[in-house]
Amino acid sequence: MFVAPKSAWRQALAAESRAAADAGHEVRVIAEESPEWDATPLDPRVEARWTGSSKVSAPEPKATAILLRRIPLGALRLVGRGPLRGPADGLSRWWRRTVLGPLKKRRWPETKRLREAHRRAAVAAAVAEAEFDWLVLHEPQAVELGVDWLPRLLDERPGLVTTFSFEPRAEAARER
């Protein structure tokens, strides 16, 4: 099982998980889904479980959503259908940048906190429900997340091989 909660090293993860599959292992990856995976797709033999934390965001208050987002942008969209399309598009960009941008920045710390909590829960659940004999903590973020559940997991499974990358040498040492 490869744990790569932020999918920061996609190319290395794709190569190492493919090497593990080539070595005959059943490979599972826990990672964050993103459009960048199209450039470095995972091997079809690799089972991927996406955490979905990038889709989590702090909720916007209803009044703000209606009064500062839907009504002004909806009105500009209506005006932009006619001959005033250029000025309406420019005013829409200005509104998003000067009014909505700072509001989004204020919600960003809460969004980061919610994403981290979601990522921790998703990884812990995936690790708890899977049977595996090799755990690859593929990114530094995986090590940070593993602080919560890794010591208990290693106590429960003393034969579990834990590495930072897929290393065939570790497999050979394990078989001795």
N, C-alpha and C. Protein backbone atom coordinates (compact mmCIF):
# COMPACT_ATOMS: atom_id res chain seq x y z
N MET A 1 0.84 -1.17 0.00
CA MET A 1 0.00 0.00 0.00
C MET A 1 0.89 1.24 0.00
N PHE A 2 0.65 2.12 -0.95
CA PHE A 2 1.36 3.39 -1.04
C PHE A 2 0.47 4.48 -0.46
N VAL A 3 1.01 5.28 0.44
CA VAL A 3 0.28 6.41 1.00
C VAL A 3 0.95 7.69 0.51
N ALA A 4 0.22 8.44 -0.31
CA ALA A 4 0.71 9.71 -0.86
C ALA A 4 -0.41 10.73 -0.76
N PRO A 5 -0.66 11.27 0.43
CA PRO A 5 -1.86 12.05 0.67
C PRO A 5 -2.00 13.34 -0.14
N LYS A 6 -0.92 13.92 -0.58
CA LYS A 6 -1.04 15.16 -1.35
C LYS A 6 -0.68 14.97 -2.82
N SER A 7 -0.24 13.79 -3.18
CA SER A 7 0.13 13.48 -4.57
C SER A 7 1.15 14.47 -5.12
N ALA A 8 2.08 14.86 -4.28
CA ALA A 8 3.09 15.84 -4.71
C ALA A 8 4.11 15.23 -5.66
N TRP A 9 4.41 13.96 -5.49
CA TRP A 9 5.43 13.30 -6.30
C TRP A 9 4.75 12.27 -7.22
N ARG A 10 3.89 12.76 -8.10
CA ARG A 10 3.08 11.88 -8.95
C ARG A 10 3.92 10.99 -9.85
N GLN A 11 4.94 11.54 -10.49
CA GLN A 11 5.75 10.75 -11.42
C GLN A 11 6.48 9.62 -10.69
N ALA A 12 7.04 9.91 -9.54
CA ALA A 12 7.72 8.87 -8.76
C ALA A 12 6.73 7.84 -8.26
N LEU A 13 5.56 8.28 -7.82
CA LEU A 13 4.54 7.36 -7.33
C LEU A 13 4.07 6.43 -8.45
N ALA A 14 3.86 6.98 -9.64
CA ALA A 14 3.44 6.14 -10.77
C ALA A 14 4.52 5.11 -11.11
N ALA A 15 5.77 5.53 -11.13
CA ALA A 15 6.87 4.62 -11.47
C ALA A 15 7.05 3.54 -10.40
N GLU A 16 7.03 3.93 -9.12
CA GLU A 16 7.26 2.95 -8.05
C GLU A 16 6.09 1.99 -7.91
N SER A 17 4.86 2.48 -8.07
CA SER A 17 3.72 1.57 -7.97
C SER A 17 3.70 0.60 -9.14
N ARG A 18 4.12 1.05 -10.32
CA ARG A 18 4.24 0.15 -11.47
C ARG A 18 5.32 -0.90 -11.21
N ALA A 19 6.45 -0.49 -10.62
CA ALA A 19 7.53 -1.44 -10.30
C ALA A 19 7.05 -2.47 -9.28
N ALA A 20 6.25 -2.04 -8.32
CA ALA A 20 5.71 -2.98 -7.33
C ALA A 20 4.75 -3.97 -8.00
N ALA A 21 3.94 -3.48 -8.92
CA ALA A 21 3.03 -4.37 -9.64
C ALA A 21 3.82 -5.33 -10.53
N ASP A 22 4.89 -4.84 -11.15
CA ASP A 22 5.74 -5.70 -11.97
C ASP A 22 6.40 -6.80 -11.14
N ALA A 23 6.67 -6.50 -9.87
CA ALA A 23 7.29 -7.48 -8.98
C ALA A 23 6.27 -8.48 -8.44
N GLY A 24 5.02 -8.35 -8.86
CA GLY A 24 4.01 -9.32 -8.47
C GLY A 24 3.16 -8.94 -7.27
N HIS A 25 3.29 -7.73 -6.79
CA HIS A 25 2.50 -7.30 -5.64
C HIS A 25 1.13 -6.80 -6.06
N GLU A 26 0.17 -6.96 -5.18
CA GLU A 26 -1.13 -6.32 -5.36
C GLU A 26 -0.95 -4.91 -4.78
N VAL A 27 -1.12 -3.89 -5.61
CA VAL A 27 -0.75 -2.53 -5.22
C VAL A 27 -2.00 -1.66 -5.05
N ARG A 28 -2.04 -0.98 -3.91
CA ARG A 28 -3.08 0.01 -3.64
C ARG A 28 -2.39 1.34 -3.37
N VAL A 29 -2.98 2.41 -3.87
CA VAL A 29 -2.46 3.75 -3.66
C VAL A 29 -3.55 4.59 -3.01
N ILE A 30 -3.18 5.29 -1.96
CA ILE A 30 -4.08 6.28 -1.35
C ILE A 30 -3.47 7.62 -1.67
N ALA A 31 -4.18 8.42 -2.47
CA ALA A 31 -3.61 9.69 -2.93
C ALA A 31 -4.72 10.71 -3.16
N GLU A 32 -4.30 11.90 -3.52
CA GLU A 32 -5.24 12.97 -3.82
C GLU A 32 -5.42 13.05 -5.33
N GLU A 33 -6.64 13.03 -5.75
CA GLU A 33 -6.94 13.10 -7.18
C GLU A 33 -6.76 14.53 -7.67
N SER A 34 -6.20 14.68 -8.86
CA SER A 34 -6.06 16.00 -9.47
C SER A 34 -5.94 15.83 -10.98
N PRO A 35 -6.19 16.88 -11.73
CA PRO A 35 -6.06 16.79 -13.19
C PRO A 35 -4.65 16.46 -13.67
N GLU A 36 -3.64 16.73 -12.84
CA GLU A 36 -2.26 16.46 -13.22
C GLU A 36 -1.98 14.97 -13.38
N TRP A 37 -2.85 14.12 -12.85
CA TRP A 37 -2.65 12.67 -12.99
C TRP A 37 -2.74 12.25 -14.46
N ASP A 38 -3.37 13.07 -15.32
CA ASP A 38 -3.45 12.72 -16.74
C ASP A 38 -2.06 12.67 -17.37
N ALA A 39 -1.14 13.50 -16.88
CA ALA A 39 0.22 13.53 -17.43
C ALA A 39 1.04 12.32 -16.98
N THR A 40 0.76 11.80 -15.80
CA THR A 40 1.49 10.63 -15.28
C THR A 40 0.48 9.63 -14.72
N PRO A 41 -0.22 8.91 -15.60
CA PRO A 41 -1.26 8.01 -15.10
C PRO A 41 -0.67 6.80 -14.36
N LEU A 42 -1.47 6.30 -13.45
CA LEU A 42 -1.09 5.09 -12.72
C LEU A 42 -1.28 3.87 -13.61
N ASP A 43 -0.53 2.84 -13.36
CA ASP A 43 -0.64 1.57 -14.07
C ASP A 43 -2.05 1.01 -13.85
N PRO A 44 -2.66 0.39 -14.86
CA PRO A 44 -4.01 -0.16 -14.68
C PRO A 44 -4.10 -1.24 -13.61
N ARG A 45 -2.98 -1.88 -13.27
CA ARG A 45 -2.99 -2.91 -12.23
C ARG A 45 -3.04 -2.32 -10.83
N VAL A 46 -2.84 -1.01 -10.72
CA VAL A 46 -2.80 -0.33 -9.42
C VAL A 46 -4.21 0.14 -9.05
N GLU A 47 -4.63 -0.26 -7.87
CA GLU A 47 -5.93 0.19 -7.36
C GLU A 47 -5.72 1.52 -6.64
N ALA A 48 -6.43 2.55 -7.07
CA ALA A 48 -6.29 3.87 -6.47
C ALA A 48 -7.50 4.20 -5.61
N ARG A 49 -7.23 4.74 -4.45
CA ARG A 49 -8.29 5.25 -3.58
C ARG A 49 -7.98 6.72 -3.36
N TRP A 50 -8.88 7.58 -3.84
CA TRP A 50 -8.67 9.02 -3.77
C TRP A 50 -9.25 9.55 -2.47
N THR A 51 -8.52 10.46 -1.83
CA THR A 51 -8.98 11.01 -0.56
C THR A 51 -10.08 12.05 -0.75
N GLY A 52 -10.05 12.79 -1.82
CA GLY A 52 -11.09 13.79 -2.09
C GLY A 52 -10.98 15.04 -1.24
N SER A 53 -9.86 15.25 -0.61
CA SER A 53 -9.76 16.41 0.28
C SER A 53 -9.68 17.73 -0.47
N SER A 54 -9.26 17.73 -1.72
CA SER A 54 -9.18 19.00 -2.47
C SER A 54 -10.57 19.54 -2.80
N LYS A 55 -11.59 18.72 -2.69
CA LYS A 55 -12.96 19.17 -2.96
C LYS A 55 -13.63 19.77 -1.73
N VAL A 56 -12.98 19.66 -0.57
CA VAL A 56 -13.53 20.18 0.67
C VAL A 56 -13.16 21.65 0.79
N SER A 57 -14.13 22.48 1.15
CA SER A 57 -13.83 23.90 1.38
C SER A 57 -14.75 24.43 2.47
N ALA A 58 -14.29 25.50 3.09
CA ALA A 58 -15.08 26.13 4.14
C ALA A 58 -16.35 26.71 3.52
N PRO A 59 -17.48 26.51 4.16
CA PRO A 59 -18.73 27.02 3.58
C PRO A 59 -18.79 28.54 3.61
N GLU A 60 -19.40 29.07 2.57
CA GLU A 60 -19.61 30.51 2.48
C GLU A 60 -20.96 30.83 3.11
N PRO A 61 -21.05 31.87 3.94
CA PRO A 61 -22.35 32.22 4.51
C PRO A 61 -23.38 32.48 3.42
N LYS A 62 -24.63 32.06 3.66
CA LYS A 62 -25.70 32.19 2.65
C LYS A 62 -25.88 33.64 2.22
N ALA A 63 -25.88 34.55 3.17
CA ALA A 63 -26.09 35.96 2.82
C ALA A 63 -25.00 36.47 1.89
N THR A 64 -23.76 36.09 2.18
CA THR A 64 -22.64 36.48 1.32
C THR A 64 -22.80 35.86 -0.06
N ALA A 65 -23.16 34.59 -0.09
CA ALA A 65 -23.31 33.90 -1.38
C ALA A 65 -24.38 34.57 -2.24
N ILE A 66 -25.46 34.97 -1.62
CA ILE A 66 -26.56 35.57 -2.39
C ILE A 66 -26.28 37.02 -2.73
N LEU A 67 -25.96 37.83 -1.70
CA LEU A 67 -25.84 39.28 -1.90
C LEU A 67 -24.56 39.71 -2.60
N LEU A 68 -23.47 38.99 -2.40
CA LEU A 68 -22.20 39.43 -2.98
C LEU A 68 -21.72 38.57 -4.14
N ARG A 69 -22.35 37.42 -4.35
CA ARG A 69 -21.90 36.56 -5.44
C ARG A 69 -23.01 36.39 -6.49
N ARG A 70 -24.12 35.78 -6.10
CA ARG A 70 -25.14 35.41 -7.08
C ARG A 70 -25.82 36.61 -7.73
N ILE A 71 -26.26 37.57 -6.94
CA ILE A 71 -27.00 38.70 -7.50
C ILE A 71 -26.10 39.56 -8.39
N PRO A 72 -24.93 40.04 -7.90
CA PRO A 72 -24.10 40.88 -8.78
C PRO A 72 -23.59 40.15 -10.02
N LEU A 73 -23.11 38.93 -9.84
CA LEU A 73 -22.57 38.21 -11.00
C LEU A 73 -23.68 37.80 -11.97
N GLY A 74 -24.86 37.46 -11.43
CA GLY A 74 -25.99 37.14 -12.29
C GLY A 74 -26.43 38.34 -13.11
N ALA A 75 -26.46 39.52 -12.47
CA ALA A 75 -26.83 40.74 -13.20
C ALA A 75 -25.79 41.06 -14.27
N LEU A 76 -24.53 40.93 -13.95
CA LEU A 76 -23.48 41.18 -14.95
C LEU A 76 -23.54 40.17 -16.09
N ARG A 77 -23.91 38.95 -15.78
CA ARG A 77 -24.04 37.93 -16.83
C ARG A 77 -25.19 38.30 -17.78
N LEU A 78 -26.30 38.79 -17.21
CA LEU A 78 -27.43 39.22 -18.06
C LEU A 78 -27.05 40.40 -18.93
N VAL A 79 -26.39 41.39 -18.35
CA VAL A 79 -25.96 42.57 -19.11
C VAL A 79 -24.95 42.16 -20.17
N GLY A 80 -24.12 41.20 -19.86
CA GLY A 80 -23.08 40.77 -20.77
C GLY A 80 -23.58 40.01 -21.98
N ARG A 81 -24.86 39.68 -22.01
CA ARG A 81 -25.41 38.98 -23.18
C ARG A 81 -25.67 39.93 -24.34
N GLY A 82 -25.72 41.20 -24.06
CA GLY A 82 -26.01 42.19 -25.09
C GLY A 82 -24.75 42.86 -25.60
N PRO A 83 -24.93 44.08 -26.06
CA PRO A 83 -23.79 44.81 -26.63
C PRO A 83 -22.76 45.26 -25.59
N LEU A 84 -23.09 45.15 -24.30
CA LEU A 84 -22.16 45.57 -23.25
C LEU A 84 -21.32 44.40 -22.71
N ARG A 85 -21.09 43.43 -23.55
CA ARG A 85 -20.38 42.23 -23.10
C ARG A 85 -18.98 42.54 -22.57
N GLY A 86 -18.21 43.32 -23.28
CA GLY A 86 -16.84 43.66 -22.88
C GLY A 86 -16.79 44.35 -21.52
N PRO A 87 -17.54 45.46 -21.35
CA PRO A 87 -17.51 46.11 -20.03
C PRO A 87 -18.07 45.23 -18.91
N ALA A 88 -19.08 44.41 -19.20
CA ALA A 88 -19.65 43.53 -18.18
C ALA A 88 -18.64 42.47 -17.76
N ASP A 89 -17.90 41.91 -18.71
CA ASP A 89 -16.86 40.93 -18.39
C ASP A 89 -15.75 41.56 -17.55
N GLY A 90 -15.36 42.79 -17.91
CA GLY A 90 -14.33 43.49 -17.15
C GLY A 90 -14.79 43.79 -15.73
N LEU A 91 -16.03 44.22 -15.58
CA LEU A 91 -16.57 44.52 -14.26
C LEU A 91 -16.72 43.24 -13.44
N SER A 92 -17.06 42.14 -14.10
CA SER A 92 -17.17 40.85 -13.42
C SER A 92 -15.80 40.42 -12.89
N ARG A 93 -14.76 40.56 -13.71
CA ARG A 93 -13.41 40.22 -13.25
C ARG A 93 -12.99 41.11 -12.09
N TRP A 94 -13.28 42.41 -12.20
CA TRP A 94 -12.96 43.33 -11.12
C TRP A 94 -13.69 42.92 -9.84
N TRP A 95 -14.97 42.59 -9.91
CA TRP A 95 -15.78 42.20 -8.74
C TRP A 95 -15.20 40.94 -8.08
N ARG A 96 -14.86 39.97 -8.92
CA ARG A 96 -14.29 38.73 -8.37
C ARG A 96 -12.95 39.00 -7.67
N ARG A 97 -12.13 39.86 -8.24
CA ARG A 97 -10.81 40.13 -7.70
C ARG A 97 -10.87 41.01 -6.44
N THR A 98 -11.65 42.08 -6.45
CA THR A 98 -11.62 43.04 -5.35
C THR A 98 -12.61 42.76 -4.24
N VAL A 99 -13.73 42.13 -4.55
CA VAL A 99 -14.75 41.87 -3.52
C VAL A 99 -14.72 40.41 -3.08
N LEU A 100 -14.80 39.48 -4.04
CA LEU A 100 -14.87 38.06 -3.68
C LEU A 100 -13.52 37.47 -3.30
N GLY A 101 -12.44 37.98 -3.89
CA GLY A 101 -11.11 37.46 -3.58
C GLY A 101 -10.74 37.57 -2.10
N PRO A 102 -10.88 38.76 -1.50
CA PRO A 102 -10.57 38.86 -0.07
C PRO A 102 -11.47 38.00 0.81
N LEU A 103 -12.72 37.82 0.41
CA LEU A 103 -13.62 36.96 1.18
C LEU A 103 -13.13 35.51 1.14
N LYS A 104 -12.68 35.08 -0.03
CA LYS A 104 -12.16 33.72 -0.17
C LYS A 104 -10.87 33.56 0.64
N LYS A 105 -10.02 34.59 0.64
CA LYS A 105 -8.78 34.53 1.42
C LYS A 105 -9.06 34.40 2.91
N ARG A 106 -10.12 35.05 3.39
CA ARG A 106 -10.47 34.94 4.80
C ARG A 106 -10.94 33.54 5.16
N ARG A 107 -11.56 32.85 4.21
CA ARG A 107 -12.03 31.48 4.47
C ARG A 107 -10.92 30.44 4.27
N TRP A 108 -9.78 30.82 3.67
CA TRP A 108 -8.74 29.87 3.33
C TRP A 108 -8.18 29.13 4.53
N PRO A 109 -7.88 29.76 5.68
CA PRO A 109 -7.36 28.99 6.82
C PRO A 109 -8.35 27.90 7.28
N GLU A 110 -9.63 28.20 7.28
CA GLU A 110 -10.63 27.20 7.66
C GLU A 110 -10.70 26.08 6.62
N THR A 111 -10.58 26.44 5.35
CA THR A 111 -10.57 25.43 4.28
C THR A 111 -9.37 24.50 4.44
N LYS A 112 -8.19 25.05 4.73
CA LYS A 112 -7.01 24.21 4.93
C LYS A 112 -7.20 23.27 6.11
N ARG A 113 -7.79 23.78 7.19
CA ARG A 113 -8.01 22.95 8.37
C ARG A 113 -8.99 21.81 8.04
N LEU A 114 -10.06 22.12 7.32
CA LEU A 114 -11.04 21.10 6.95
C LEU A 114 -10.43 20.07 6.01
N ARG A 115 -9.62 20.51 5.06
CA ARG A 115 -8.98 19.58 4.12
C ARG A 115 -8.02 18.64 4.84
N GLU A 116 -7.26 19.19 5.78
CA GLU A 116 -6.32 18.35 6.53
C GLU A 116 -7.06 17.32 7.37
N ALA A 117 -8.14 17.73 8.01
CA ALA A 117 -8.94 16.78 8.82
C ALA A 117 -9.54 15.70 7.93
N HIS A 118 -10.03 16.09 6.75
CA HIS A 118 -10.61 15.11 5.81
C HIS A 118 -9.52 14.15 5.32
N ARG A 119 -8.35 14.69 5.00
CA ARG A 119 -7.23 13.86 4.52
C ARG A 119 -6.82 12.85 5.59
N ARG A 120 -6.70 13.31 6.84
CA ARG A 120 -6.32 12.41 7.94
C ARG A 120 -7.34 11.29 8.10
N ALA A 121 -8.62 11.64 8.08
CA ALA A 121 -9.67 10.64 8.25
C ALA A 121 -9.68 9.65 7.09
N ALA A 122 -9.53 10.13 5.87
CA ALA A 122 -9.57 9.26 4.69
C ALA A 122 -8.39 8.28 4.68
N VAL A 123 -7.21 8.77 5.00
CA VAL A 123 -6.02 7.89 5.02
C VAL A 123 -6.13 6.88 6.15
N ALA A 124 -6.52 7.34 7.33
CA ALA A 124 -6.65 6.42 8.47
C ALA A 124 -7.68 5.34 8.19
N ALA A 125 -8.80 5.71 7.58
CA ALA A 125 -9.83 4.72 7.25
C ALA A 125 -9.32 3.72 6.21
N ALA A 126 -8.63 4.20 5.19
CA ALA A 126 -8.13 3.30 4.15
C ALA A 126 -7.08 2.33 4.71
N VAL A 127 -6.24 2.82 5.59
CA VAL A 127 -5.21 1.96 6.18
C VAL A 127 -5.85 0.95 7.13
N ALA A 128 -6.84 1.38 7.88
CA ALA A 128 -7.48 0.49 8.86
C ALA A 128 -8.25 -0.64 8.21
N GLU A 129 -8.85 -0.40 7.07
CA GLU A 129 -9.71 -1.44 6.48
C GLU A 129 -8.99 -2.35 5.49
N ALA A 130 -7.75 -2.04 5.14
CA ALA A 130 -7.04 -2.85 4.14
C ALA A 130 -6.09 -3.84 4.80
N GLU A 131 -5.93 -4.96 4.14
CA GLU A 131 -4.94 -5.97 4.55
C GLU A 131 -3.74 -5.81 3.63
N PHE A 132 -2.58 -5.57 4.19
CA PHE A 132 -1.37 -5.41 3.40
C PHE A 132 -0.18 -5.81 4.24
N ASP A 133 0.93 -6.15 3.56
CA ASP A 133 2.13 -6.56 4.28
C ASP A 133 3.30 -5.61 4.04
N TRP A 134 3.06 -4.57 3.24
CA TRP A 134 4.10 -3.60 2.96
C TRP A 134 3.45 -2.24 2.87
N LEU A 135 3.98 -1.29 3.62
CA LEU A 135 3.45 0.07 3.64
C LEU A 135 4.53 1.02 3.16
N VAL A 136 4.22 1.77 2.11
CA VAL A 136 5.16 2.75 1.58
C VAL A 136 4.61 4.14 1.92
N LEU A 137 5.29 4.84 2.79
CA LEU A 137 4.94 6.23 3.12
C LEU A 137 5.67 7.09 2.10
N HIS A 138 5.02 7.36 1.00
CA HIS A 138 5.68 7.87 -0.20
C HIS A 138 6.05 9.34 -0.14
N GLU A 139 5.44 10.12 0.72
CA GLU A 139 5.71 11.55 0.80
C GLU A 139 5.94 11.95 2.26
N PRO A 140 6.60 13.07 2.47
CA PRO A 140 6.73 13.54 3.85
C PRO A 140 5.37 13.75 4.53
N GLN A 141 4.37 14.15 3.76
CA GLN A 141 3.03 14.34 4.33
C GLN A 141 2.46 13.02 4.85
N ALA A 142 2.83 11.92 4.22
CA ALA A 142 2.37 10.60 4.69
C ALA A 142 2.97 10.28 6.04
N VAL A 143 4.21 10.67 6.23
CA VAL A 143 4.86 10.44 7.52
C VAL A 143 4.17 11.28 8.59
N GLU A 144 3.84 12.54 8.25
CA GLU A 144 3.13 13.41 9.20
C GLU A 144 1.78 12.81 9.58
N LEU A 145 1.06 12.30 8.58
CA LEU A 145 -0.24 11.71 8.87
C LEU A 145 -0.10 10.41 9.64
N GLY A 146 0.98 9.68 9.39
CA GLY A 146 1.18 8.39 10.05
C GLY A 146 1.50 8.48 11.52
N VAL A 147 1.85 9.66 12.00
CA VAL A 147 2.16 9.83 13.42
C VAL A 147 0.98 9.38 14.28
N ASP A 148 -0.24 9.60 13.79
CA ASP A 148 -1.43 9.25 14.56
C ASP A 148 -1.66 7.75 14.64
N TRP A 149 -1.49 7.02 13.53
CA TRP A 149 -1.89 5.62 13.48
C TRP A 149 -0.75 4.63 13.26
N LEU A 150 0.42 5.10 12.83
CA LEU A 150 1.50 4.18 12.49
C LEU A 150 2.06 3.41 13.69
N PRO A 151 2.31 4.02 14.84
CA PRO A 151 2.84 3.22 15.97
C PRO A 151 1.90 2.08 16.37
N ARG A 152 0.61 2.37 16.41
CA ARG A 152 -0.37 1.33 16.76
C ARG A 152 -0.39 0.24 15.70
N LEU A 153 -0.32 0.64 14.43
CA LEU A 153 -0.32 -0.34 13.33
C LEU A 153 0.90 -1.25 13.40
N LEU A 154 2.06 -0.68 13.70
CA LEU A 154 3.28 -1.49 13.79
C LEU A 154 3.24 -2.43 14.98
N ASP A 155 2.59 -2.02 16.07
CA ASP A 155 2.42 -2.92 17.22
C ASP A 155 1.50 -4.08 16.87
N GLU A 156 0.43 -3.79 16.11
CA GLU A 156 -0.54 -4.83 15.74
C GLU A 156 0.03 -5.78 14.69
N ARG A 157 0.87 -5.28 13.81
CA ARG A 157 1.43 -6.09 12.72
C ARG A 157 2.96 -6.03 12.78
N PRO A 158 3.58 -6.83 13.59
CA PRO A 158 5.04 -6.75 13.74
C PRO A 158 5.81 -7.10 12.47
N GLY A 159 5.24 -7.87 11.56
CA GLY A 159 5.93 -8.24 10.33
C GLY A 159 5.75 -7.24 9.20
N LEU A 160 5.09 -6.14 9.45
CA LEU A 160 4.82 -5.14 8.41
C LEU A 160 6.10 -4.42 8.00
N VAL A 161 6.39 -4.45 6.71
CA VAL A 161 7.55 -3.72 6.17
C VAL A 161 7.07 -2.30 5.89
N THR A 162 7.80 -1.32 6.40
CA THR A 162 7.45 0.08 6.18
C THR A 162 8.66 0.79 5.61
N THR A 163 8.47 1.41 4.43
CA THR A 163 9.56 2.11 3.76
C THR A 163 9.06 3.45 3.25
N PHE A 164 10.01 4.26 2.80
CA PHE A 164 9.67 5.57 2.24
C PHE A 164 9.50 5.48 0.73
N SER A 165 10.00 4.41 0.12
CA SER A 165 9.82 4.18 -1.31
C SER A 165 9.81 2.68 -1.54
N PHE A 166 9.35 2.27 -2.72
CA PHE A 166 9.35 0.85 -3.03
C PHE A 166 10.78 0.43 -3.33
N GLU A 167 11.30 -0.46 -2.54
CA GLU A 167 12.68 -0.90 -2.68
C GLU A 167 12.71 -2.41 -2.79
N PRO A 168 13.00 -2.96 -3.96
CA PRO A 168 13.06 -4.42 -4.10
C PRO A 168 14.06 -5.05 -3.13
N ARG A 169 15.10 -4.32 -2.72
CA ARG A 169 16.07 -4.86 -1.76
C ARG A 169 15.38 -5.15 -0.42
N ALA A 170 14.46 -4.31 -0.03
CA ALA A 170 13.74 -4.53 1.23
C ALA A 170 12.91 -5.81 1.14
N GLU A 171 12.36 -6.07 -0.05
CA GLU A 171 11.58 -7.29 -0.24
C GLU A 171 12.48 -8.51 -0.12
N ALA A 172 13.68 -8.44 -0.70
CA ALA A 172 14.61 -9.57 -0.62
C ALA A 172 15.05 -9.81 0.82
N ALA A 173 15.27 -8.74 1.57
CA ALA A 173 15.67 -8.88 2.97
C ALA A 173 14.54 -9.46 3.80
N ARG A 174 13.32 -9.14 3.46
CA ARG A 174 12.17 -9.65 4.19
C ARG A 174 12.00 -11.16 3.99
N GLU A 175 12.35 -11.63 2.79
CA GLU A 175 12.18 -13.05 2.48
C GLU A 175 13.23 -13.92 3.14
N ARG A 176 14.32 -13.36 3.59
CA ARG A 176 15.40 -14.15 4.23
C ARG A 176 15.00 -14.67 5.55
